[in-house]
PDB file of N, CA and C in Angstrom:
ATOM      1  N   MET A   1       0.850  -1.184   0.000  1.00  0.00           N
ATOM      2  CA  MET A   1       0.000   0.000   0.000  1.00  0.00           C
ATOM      3  C   MET A   1       0.889   1.238   0.000  1.00  0.00           C
ATOM      4  N   ASP A   2       0.412   2.271  -0.610  1.00  0.00           N
ATOM      5  CA  ASP A   2       1.112   3.545  -0.639  1.00  0.00           C
ATOM      6  C   ASP A   2       1.213   4.099   0.783  1.00  0.00           C
ATOM      7  N   PRO A   3       2.378   4.610   1.168  1.00  0.00           N
ATOM      8  CA  PRO A   3       2.536   5.123   2.541  1.00  0.00           C
ATOM      9  C   PRO A   3       1.532   6.233   2.890  1.00  0.00           C
ATOM     10  N   LEU A   4       1.277   7.134   1.958  1.00  0.00           N
ATOM     11  CA  LEU A   4       0.315   8.201   2.233  1.00  0.00           C
ATOM     12  C   LEU A   4      -1.078   7.623   2.428  1.00  0.00           C
ATOM     13  N   LEU A   5      -1.480   6.724   1.559  1.00  0.00           N
ATOM     14  CA  LEU A   5      -2.802   6.115   1.692  1.00  0.00           C
ATOM     15  C   LEU A   5      -2.913   5.359   3.006  1.00  0.00           C
ATOM     16  N   ASP A   6      -1.853   4.684   3.404  1.00  0.00           N
ATOM     17  CA  ASP A   6      -1.855   3.970   4.683  1.00  0.00           C
ATOM     18  C   ASP A   6      -2.073   4.946   5.844  1.00  0.00           C
ATOM     19  N   GLU A   7      -1.384   6.076   5.817  1.00  0.00           N
ATOM     20  CA  GLU A   7      -1.559   7.092   6.867  1.00  0.00           C
ATOM     21  C   GLU A   7      -2.995   7.618   6.885  1.00  0.00           C
ATOM     22  N   ILE A   8      -3.527   7.883   5.708  1.00  0.00           N
ATOM     23  CA  ILE A   8      -4.887   8.411   5.616  1.00  0.00           C
ATOM     24  C   ILE A   8      -5.898   7.388   6.105  1.00  0.00           C
ATOM     25  N   GLU A   9      -5.727   6.132   5.720  1.00  0.00           N
ATOM     26  CA  GLU A   9      -6.661   5.085   6.153  1.00  0.00           C
ATOM     27  C   GLU A   9      -6.656   4.956   7.678  1.00  0.00           C
ATOM     28  N   ARG A  10      -5.473   5.034   8.293  1.00  0.00           N
ATOM     29  CA  ARG A  10      -5.396   4.983   9.760  1.00  0.00           C
ATOM     30  C   ARG A  10      -6.094   6.191  10.373  1.00  0.00           C
ATOM     31  N   PHE A  11      -5.846   7.355   9.804  1.00  0.00           N
ATOM     32  CA  PHE A  11      -6.474   8.584  10.285  1.00  0.00           C
ATOM     33  C   PHE A  11      -7.997   8.480  10.201  1.00  0.00           C
ATOM     34  N   LEU A  12      -8.497   8.012   9.064  1.00  0.00           N
ATOM     35  CA  LEU A  12      -9.946   7.882   8.888  1.00  0.00           C
ATOM     36  C   LEU A  12     -10.538   6.896   9.886  1.00  0.00           C
ATOM     37  N   ALA A  13      -9.845   5.801  10.129  1.00  0.00           N
ATOM     38  CA  ALA A  13     -10.340   4.807  11.084  1.00  0.00           C
ATOM     39  C   ALA A  13     -10.371   5.378  12.503  1.00  0.00           C
ATOM     40  N   LEU A  14      -9.333   6.118  12.863  1.00  0.00           N
ATOM     41  CA  LEU A  14      -9.258   6.683  14.213  1.00  0.00           C
ATOM     42  C   LEU A  14     -10.273   7.795  14.442  1.00  0.00           C
ATOM     43  N   THR A  15     -10.468   8.607  13.426  1.00  0.00           N
ATOM     44  CA  THR A  15     -11.348   9.767  13.582  1.00  0.00           C
ATOM     45  C   THR A  15     -12.792   9.478  13.202  1.00  0.00           C
ATOM     46  N   LYS A  16     -13.009   8.376  12.513  1.00  0.00           N
ATOM     47  CA  LYS A  16     -14.331   8.030  11.984  1.00  0.00           C
ATOM     48  C   LYS A  16     -14.825   9.081  10.988  1.00  0.00           C
ATOM     49  N   MET A  17     -13.870   9.774  10.378  1.00  0.00           N
ATOM     50  CA  MET A  17     -14.180  10.780   9.373  1.00  0.00           C
ATOM     51  C   MET A  17     -14.448  10.081   8.040  1.00  0.00           C
ATOM     52  N   LYS A  18     -15.388  10.595   7.290  1.00  0.00           N
ATOM     53  CA  LYS A  18     -15.697  10.055   5.974  1.00  0.00           C
ATOM     54  C   LYS A  18     -14.588  10.445   4.986  1.00  0.00           C
ATOM     55  N   PRO A  19     -14.259   9.564   4.048  1.00  0.00           N
ATOM     56  CA  PRO A  19     -13.209   9.870   3.069  1.00  0.00           C
ATOM     57  C   PRO A  19     -13.474  11.147   2.268  1.00  0.00           C
ATOM     58  N   THR A  20     -14.726  11.389   1.923  1.00  0.00           N
ATOM     59  CA  THR A  20     -15.043  12.590   1.149  1.00  0.00           C
ATOM     60  C   THR A  20     -14.798  13.848   1.968  1.00  0.00           C
ATOM     61  N   ARG A  21     -15.166  13.841   3.254  1.00  0.00           N
ATOM     62  CA  ARG A  21     -14.929  14.997   4.125  1.00  0.00           C
ATOM     63  C   ARG A  21     -13.432  15.258   4.239  1.00  0.00           C
ATOM     64  N   PHE A  22     -12.656  14.193   4.474  1.00  0.00           N
ATOM     65  CA  PHE A  22     -11.205  14.352   4.551  1.00  0.00           C
ATOM     66  C   PHE A  22     -10.675  14.936   3.248  1.00  0.00           C
ATOM     67  N   SER A  23     -11.084  14.367   2.132  1.00  0.00           N
ATOM     68  CA  SER A  23     -10.591  14.794   0.826  1.00  0.00           C
ATOM     69  C   SER A  23     -10.856  16.273   0.582  1.00  0.00           C
ATOM     70  N   LEU A  24     -12.070  16.707   0.875  1.00  0.00           N
ATOM     71  CA  LEU A  24     -12.418  18.117   0.681  1.00  0.00           C
ATOM     72  C   LEU A  24     -11.643  19.025   1.623  1.00  0.00           C
ATOM     73  N   ASP A  25     -11.630  18.669   2.898  1.00  0.00           N
ATOM     74  CA  ASP A  25     -10.974  19.525   3.887  1.00  0.00           C
ATOM     75  C   ASP A  25      -9.460  19.569   3.699  1.00  0.00           C
ATOM     76  N   ALA A  26      -8.866  18.437   3.380  1.00  0.00           N
ATOM     77  CA  ALA A  26      -7.406  18.356   3.318  1.00  0.00           C
ATOM     78  C   ALA A  26      -6.833  18.912   2.023  1.00  0.00           C
ATOM     79  N   VAL A  27      -7.422  18.545   0.889  1.00  0.00           N
ATOM     80  CA  VAL A  27      -6.816  18.928  -0.390  1.00  0.00           C
ATOM     81  C   VAL A  27      -7.780  19.595  -1.366  1.00  0.00           C
ATOM     82  N   GLY A  28      -9.047  19.732  -0.976  1.00  0.00           N
ATOM     83  CA  GLY A  28      -9.996  20.417  -1.839  1.00  0.00           C
ATOM     84  C   GLY A  28     -10.496  19.607  -3.025  1.00  0.00           C
ATOM     85  N   ASP A  29     -10.338  18.293  -2.970  1.00  0.00           N
ATOM     86  CA  ASP A  29     -10.778  17.396  -4.045  1.00  0.00           C
ATOM     87  C   ASP A  29     -11.590  16.277  -3.410  1.00  0.00           C
ATOM     88  N   ALA A  30     -12.896  16.298  -3.616  1.00  0.00           N
ATOM     89  CA  ALA A  30     -13.792  15.342  -2.958  1.00  0.00           C
ATOM     90  C   ALA A  30     -13.457  13.890  -3.268  1.00  0.00           C
ATOM     91  N   HIS A  31     -12.741  13.641  -4.348  1.00  0.00           N
ATOM     92  CA  HIS A  31     -12.458  12.269  -4.780  1.00  0.00           C
ATOM     93  C   HIS A  31     -11.031  11.820  -4.474  1.00  0.00           C
ATOM     94  N   PHE A  32     -10.283  12.615  -3.737  1.00  0.00           N
ATOM     95  CA  PHE A  32      -8.867  12.330  -3.504  1.00  0.00           C
ATOM     96  C   PHE A  32      -8.630  10.938  -2.926  1.00  0.00           C
ATOM     97  N   VAL A  33      -9.292  10.584  -1.840  1.00  0.00           N
ATOM     98  CA  VAL A  33      -9.074   9.275  -1.209  1.00  0.00           C
ATOM     99  C   VAL A  33      -9.510   8.158  -2.146  1.00  0.00           C
ATOM    100  N   ARG A  34     -10.645   8.332  -2.782  1.00  0.00           N
ATOM    101  CA  ARG A  34     -11.125   7.300  -3.713  1.00  0.00           C
ATOM    102  C   ARG A  34     -10.102   7.072  -4.819  1.00  0.00           C
ATOM    103  N   HIS A  35      -9.548   8.140  -5.345  1.00  0.00           N
ATOM    104  CA  HIS A  35      -8.550   8.008  -6.402  1.00  0.00           C
ATOM    105  C   HIS A  35      -7.266   7.356  -5.888  1.00  0.00           C
ATOM    106  N   LEU A  36      -6.854   7.688  -4.682  1.00  0.00           N
ATOM    107  CA  LEU A  36      -5.674   7.028  -4.110  1.00  0.00           C
ATOM    108  C   LEU A  36      -5.903   5.530  -3.988  1.00  0.00           C
ATOM    109  N   ARG A  37      -7.100   5.157  -3.580  1.00  0.00           N
ATOM    110  CA  ARG A  37      -7.423   3.741  -3.389  1.00  0.00           C
ATOM    111  C   ARG A  37      -7.350   2.945  -4.693  1.00  0.00           C
ATOM    112  N   ILE A  38      -7.522   3.602  -5.818  1.00  0.00           N
ATOM    113  CA  ILE A  38      -7.421   2.888  -7.092  1.00  0.00           C
ATOM    114  C   ILE A  38      -6.066   3.108  -7.766  1.00  0.00           C
ATOM    115  N   GLY A  39      -5.131   3.698  -7.025  1.00  0.00           N
ATOM    116  CA  GLY A  39      -3.763   3.803  -7.507  1.00  0.00           C
ATOM    117  C   GLY A  39      -3.360   5.105  -8.162  1.00  0.00           C
ATOM    118  N   ARG A  40      -4.175   6.110  -8.066  1.00  0.00           N
ATOM    119  CA  ARG A  40      -3.837   7.404  -8.660  1.00  0.00           C
ATOM    120  C   ARG A  40      -2.557   7.957  -8.046  1.00  0.00           C
ATOM    121  N   GLN A  41      -1.748   8.575  -8.868  1.00  0.00           N
ATOM    122  CA  GLN A  41      -0.538   9.252  -8.405  1.00  0.00           C
ATOM    123  C   GLN A  41      -0.912  10.642  -7.880  1.00  0.00           C
ATOM    124  N   TYR A  42      -0.037  11.219  -7.097  1.00  0.00           N
ATOM    125  CA  TYR A  42      -0.297  12.543  -6.539  1.00  0.00           C
ATOM    126  C   TYR A  42       1.002  13.327  -6.519  1.00  0.00           C
ATOM    127  N   TYR A  43       0.867  14.629  -6.468  1.00  0.00           N
ATOM    128  CA  TYR A  43       2.027  15.507  -6.391  1.00  0.00           C
ATOM    129  C   TYR A  43       2.551  15.542  -4.956  1.00  0.00           C
ATOM    130  N   PRO A  44       3.847  15.722  -4.785  1.00  0.00           N
ATOM    131  CA  PRO A  44       4.396  15.844  -3.425  1.00  0.00           C
ATOM    132  C   PRO A  44       3.709  16.952  -2.622  1.00  0.00           C
ATOM    133  N   ARG A  45       3.363  18.033  -3.288  1.00  0.00           N
ATOM    134  CA  ARG A  45       2.686  19.146  -2.616  1.00  0.00           C
ATOM    135  C   ARG A  45       1.335  18.701  -2.044  1.00  0.00           C
ATOM    136  N   THR A  46       0.639  17.830  -2.775  1.00  0.00           N
ATOM    137  CA  THR A  46      -0.655  17.329  -2.312  1.00  0.00           C
ATOM    138  C   THR A  46      -0.479  16.443  -1.088  1.00  0.00           C
ATOM    139  N   ALA A  47       0.560  15.618  -1.089  1.00  0.00           N
ATOM    140  CA  ALA A  47       0.851  14.771   0.073  1.00  0.00           C
ATOM    141  C   ALA A  47       1.161  15.641   1.287  1.00  0.00           C
ATOM    142  N   LEU A  48       1.905  16.714   1.078  1.00  0.00           N
ATOM    143  CA  LEU A  48       2.212  17.626   2.183  1.00  0.00           C
ATOM    144  C   LEU A  48       0.939  18.238   2.760  1.00  0.00           C
ATOM    145  N   LYS A  49       0.017  18.639   1.888  1.00  0.00           N
ATOM    146  CA  LYS A  49      -1.254  19.210   2.353  1.00  0.00           C
ATOM    147  C   LYS A  49      -2.035  18.203   3.192  1.00  0.00           C
ATOM    148  N   ALA A  50      -2.106  16.961   2.708  1.00  0.00           N
ATOM    149  CA  ALA A  50      -2.858  15.929   3.429  1.00  0.00           C
ATOM    150  C   ALA A  50      -2.227  15.662   4.788  1.00  0.00           C
ATOM    151  N   ARG A  51      -0.909  15.543   4.814  1.00  0.00           N
ATOM    152  CA  ARG A  51      -0.221  15.277   6.085  1.00  0.00           C
ATOM    153  C   ARG A  51      -0.334  16.463   7.026  1.00  0.00           C
ATOM    154  N   GLN A  52      -0.271  17.666   6.497  1.00  0.00           N
ATOM    155  CA  GLN A  52      -0.423  18.857   7.337  1.00  0.00           C
ATOM    156  C   GLN A  52      -1.826  18.897   7.941  1.00  0.00           C
ATOM    157  N   TYR A  53      -2.835  18.556   7.154  1.00  0.00           N
ATOM    158  CA  TYR A  53      -4.204  18.534   7.657  1.00  0.00           C
ATOM    159  C   TYR A  53      -4.324  17.547   8.816  1.00  0.00           C
ATOM    160  N   MET A  54      -3.772  16.343   8.645  1.00  0.00           N
ATOM    161  CA  MET A  54      -3.856  15.333   9.708  1.00  0.00           C
ATOM    162  C   MET A  54      -3.119  15.797  10.962  1.00  0.00           C
ATOM    163  N   ARG A  55      -1.967  16.420  10.774  1.00  0.00           N
ATOM    164  CA  ARG A  55      -1.186  16.919  11.910  1.00  0.00           C
ATOM    165  C   ARG A  55      -1.947  18.028  12.645  1.00  0.00           C
ATOM    166  N   GLU A  56      -2.503  18.967  11.892  1.00  0.00           N
ATOM    167  CA  GLU A  56      -3.245  20.069  12.512  1.00  0.00           C
ATOM    168  C   GLU A  56      -4.518  19.572  13.190  1.00  0.00           C
ATOM    169  N   TYR A  57      -5.156  18.590  12.595  1.00  0.00           N
ATOM    170  CA  TYR A  57      -6.357  18.013  13.193  1.00  0.00           C
ATOM    171  C   TYR A  57      -6.007  17.386  14.541  1.00  0.00           C
ATOM    172  N   ALA A  58      -4.895  16.672  14.592  1.00  0.00           N
ATOM    173  CA  ALA A  58      -4.460  16.049  15.844  1.00  0.00           C
ATOM    174  C   ALA A  58      -4.145  17.110  16.897  1.00  0.00           C
ATOM    175  N   GLU A  59      -3.493  18.192  16.474  1.00  0.00           N
ATOM    176  CA  GLU A  59      -3.184  19.275  17.414  1.00  0.00           C
ATOM    177  C   GLU A  59      -4.469  19.901  17.957  1.00  0.00           C
ATOM    178  N   GLN A  60      -5.453  20.089  17.092  1.00  0.00           N
ATOM    179  CA  GLN A  60      -6.730  20.651  17.535  1.00  0.00           C
ATOM    180  C   GLN A  60      -7.454  19.691  18.470  1.00  0.00           C
ATOM    181  N   ALA A  61      -7.334  18.400  18.200  1.00  0.00           N
ATOM    182  CA  ALA A  61      -7.964  17.401  19.074  1.00  0.00           C
ATOM    183  C   ALA A  61      -7.353  17.470  20.472  1.00  0.00           C
ATOM    184  N   ARG A  62      -6.042  17.622  20.525  1.00  0.00           N
ATOM    185  CA  ARG A  62      -5.370  17.729  21.823  1.00  0.00           C
ATOM    186  C   ARG A  62      -5.838  18.965  22.582  1.00  0.00           C
ATOM    187  N   ALA A  63      -6.136  20.022  21.823  1.00  0.00           N
ATOM    188  CA  ALA A  63      -6.587  21.271  22.438  1.00  0.00           C
ATOM    189  C   ALA A  63      -8.100  21.281  22.654  1.00  0.00           C
ATOM    190  N   GLY A  64      -8.771  20.195  22.272  1.00  0.00           N
ATOM    191  CA  GLY A  64     -10.212  20.110  22.444  1.00  0.00           C
ATOM    192  C   GLY A  64     -11.003  20.864  21.401  1.00  0.00           C
ATOM    193  N   GLN A  65     -10.391  21.124  20.236  1.00  0.00           N
ATOM    194  CA  GLN A  65     -11.049  21.926  19.211  1.00  0.00           C
ATOM    195  C   GLN A  65     -11.304  21.153  17.926  1.00  0.00           C
ATOM    196  N   ALA A  66     -11.162  19.844  17.912  1.00  0.00           N
ATOM    197  CA  ALA A  66     -11.334  19.065  16.680  1.00  0.00           C
ATOM    198  C   ALA A  66     -12.751  19.196  16.165  1.00  0.00           C
ATOM    199  N   GLY A  67     -12.916  18.865  14.902  1.00  0.00           N
ATOM    200  CA  GLY A  67     -14.171  19.079  14.205  1.00  0.00           C
ATOM    201  C   GLY A  67     -15.304  18.149  14.570  1.00  0.00           C
ATOM    202  N   GLY A  68     -15.342  17.630  15.770  1.00  0.00           N
ATOM    203  CA  GLY A  68     -16.466  16.831  16.195  1.00  0.00           C
ATOM    204  C   GLY A  68     -16.434  15.387  15.750  1.00  0.00           C
ATOM    205  N   HIS A  69     -15.301  14.905  15.301  1.00  0.00           N
ATOM    206  CA  HIS A  69     -15.198  13.527  14.833  1.00  0.00           C
ATOM    207  C   HIS A  69     -14.659  12.593  15.901  1.00  0.00           C
ATOM    208  N   GLY A  70     -14.413  13.098  17.091  1.00  0.00           N
ATOM    209  CA  GLY A  70     -14.014  12.230  18.194  1.00  0.00           C
ATOM    210  C   GLY A  70     -12.635  11.630  18.073  1.00  0.00           C
ATOM    211  N   VAL A  71     -11.662  12.414  17.695  1.00  0.00           N
ATOM    212  CA  VAL A  71     -10.303  11.902  17.566  1.00  0.00           C
ATOM    213  C   VAL A  71      -9.742  11.578  18.924  1.00  0.00           C
ATOM    214  N   PRO A  72      -9.279  10.349  19.131  1.00  0.00           N
ATOM    215  CA  PRO A  72      -8.556  10.064  20.364  1.00  0.00           C
ATOM    216  C   PRO A  72      -7.273  10.891  20.357  1.00  0.00           C
ATOM    217  N   VAL A  73      -7.059  11.666  21.372  1.00  0.00           N
ATOM    218  CA  VAL A  73      -5.935  12.599  21.398  1.00  0.00           C
ATOM    219  C   VAL A  73      -4.611  11.901  21.145  1.00  0.00           C
ATOM    220  N   SER A  74      -4.388  10.753  21.733  1.00  0.00           N
ATOM    221  CA  SER A  74      -3.102  10.079  21.570  1.00  0.00           C
ATOM    222  C   SER A  74      -2.988   9.354  20.246  1.00  0.00           C
ATOM    223  N   ALA A  75      -4.085   9.098  19.564  1.00  0.00           N
ATOM    224  CA  ALA A  75      -4.053   8.256  18.376  1.00  0.00           C
ATOM    225  C   ALA A  75      -3.843   9.023  17.084  1.00  0.00           C
ATOM    226  N   ALA A  76      -4.193  10.284  17.035  1.00  0.00           N
ATOM    227  CA  ALA A  76      -4.171  11.002  15.770  1.00  0.00           C
ATOM    228  C   ALA A  76      -2.819  11.597  15.431  1.00  0.00           C
ATOM    229  N   ALA A  77      -1.861  11.508  16.297  1.00  0.00           N
ATOM    230  CA  ALA A  77      -0.571  12.148  16.070  1.00  0.00           C
ATOM    231  C   ALA A  77       0.179  11.593  14.929  1.00  0.00           C
TER     232      ALA A  77
END
């Protein structure tokens, strides 16, 4: 599995966030996760955006400000 997709799949499982919500919020493309799952390539800049979104989401969860998806504070890092 692609390392980025693996990270995203873990994030989605931990946060119970829908793939479309993640895709829109993280990179502005509603189909991003679906396309990754079928092997689509991505730009390094897009991977950075996705990873930054996950990192910031985890930081907000620690501060009690996450978007209501119930991120376990220790798990989303």
